[in-house]
C-alpha atoms as a PDB file:
ATOM      1  CA  UNK A   1      -3.100  -1.818 -15.604  1.00  0.00           C
ATOM      2  CA  UNK A   2      -5.378   1.126 -16.347  1.00  0.00           C
ATOM      3  CA  UNK A   3      -6.816   2.146 -13.018  1.00  0.00           C
ATOM      4  CA  UNK A   4      -7.155   4.945 -10.528  1.00  0.00           C
ATOM      5  CA  UNK A   5      -4.297   4.962  -8.031  1.00  0.00           C
ATOM      6  CA  UNK A   6      -5.589   5.443  -4.472  1.00  0.00           C
ATOM      7  CA  UNK A   7      -3.929   7.884  -2.106  1.00  0.00           C
ATOM      8  CA  UNK A   8      -1.040   6.564  -0.026  1.00  0.00           C
ATOM      9  CA  UNK A   9      -2.990   7.074   3.188  1.00  0.00           C
ATOM     10  CA  UNK A  10      -5.716   4.731   1.907  1.00  0.00           C
ATOM     11  CA  UNK A  11      -3.192   2.030   1.017  1.00  0.00           C
ATOM     12  CA  UNK A  12      -1.372   2.500   4.338  1.00  0.00           C
ATOM     13  CA  UNK A  13      -4.648   2.205   6.224  1.00  0.00           C
ATOM     14  CA  UNK A  14      -5.601  -0.996   4.389  1.00  0.00           C
ATOM     15  CA  UNK A  15      -2.203  -2.559   5.126  1.00  0.00           C
ATOM     16  CA  UNK A  16      -2.313  -1.536   8.794  1.00  0.00           C
ATOM     17  CA  UNK A  17      -5.843  -2.909   9.186  1.00  0.00           C
ATOM     18  CA  UNK A  18      -4.655  -6.180   7.635  1.00  0.00           C
ATOM     19  CA  UNK A  19      -1.985  -6.430  10.355  1.00  0.00           C
ATOM     20  CA  UNK A  20       1.124  -5.427   8.374  1.00  0.00           C
ATOM     21  CA  UNK A  21       3.724  -2.788   9.138  1.00  0.00           C
ATOM     22  CA  UNK A  22       3.898   0.178   6.799  1.00  0.00           C
ATOM     23  CA  UNK A  23       5.900   3.412   6.655  1.00  0.00           C
ATOM     24  CA  UNK A  24       6.943   6.106   4.207  1.00  0.00           C
ATOM     25  CA  UNK A  25      10.144   5.433   2.291  1.00  0.00           C
ATOM     26  CA  UNK A  26      13.079   7.710   3.052  1.00  0.00           C
ATOM     27  CA  UNK A  27      14.057   7.666  -0.632  1.00  0.00           C
ATOM     28  CA  UNK A  28      10.773   9.064  -1.977  1.00  0.00           C
ATOM     29  CA  UNK A  29       8.001  10.622   0.069  1.00  0.00           C
ATOM     30  CA  UNK A  30       5.327   9.191  -2.243  1.00  0.00           C
ATOM     31  CA  UNK A  31       6.577   5.597  -1.742  1.00  0.00           C
ATOM     32  CA  UNK A  32       5.822   3.169   1.065  1.00  0.00           C
ATOM     33  CA  UNK A  33       7.687   0.322   2.754  1.00  0.00           C
ATOM     34  CA  UNK A  34       5.823  -2.670   4.143  1.00  0.00           C
ATOM     35  CA  UNK A  35       6.309  -6.230   5.283  1.00  0.00           C
ATOM     36  CA  UNK A  36       3.170  -7.310   3.411  1.00  0.00           C
ATOM     37  CA  UNK A  37       3.662  -9.972   0.740  1.00  0.00           C
ATOM     38  CA  UNK A  38       3.196  -8.875  -2.852  1.00  0.00           C
ATOM     39  CA  UNK A  39      -0.085 -10.769  -3.255  1.00  0.00           C
ATOM     40  CA  UNK A  40      -1.645  -8.750  -0.417  1.00  0.00           C
ATOM     41  CA  UNK A  41      -0.620  -5.467  -2.039  1.00  0.00           C
ATOM     42  CA  UNK A  42      -1.985  -6.733  -5.356  1.00  0.00           C
ATOM     43  CA  UNK A  43      -5.323  -7.659  -3.703  1.00  0.00           C
ATOM     44  CA  UNK A  44      -5.565  -4.184  -2.153  1.00  0.00           C
ATOM     45  CA  UNK A  45      -4.853  -2.514  -5.487  1.00  0.00           C
ATOM     46  CA  UNK A  46      -7.454  -4.695  -7.253  1.00  0.00           C
ATOM     47  CA  UNK A  47     -10.071  -3.563  -4.721  1.00  0.00           C
ATOM     48  CA  UNK A  48      -9.793  -0.050  -6.179  1.00  0.00           C
END
């Protein structure tokens, strides 16, 4: 997938506005944890 990767804060905001929980991973500061299903994350990434 050749695309621009949006900033984590943009992805976090989209997930929060969609009603899902989201936080920063303790393992890597540039990773996120969420309870959103994979198809929702995929839809958000396709929007960019």
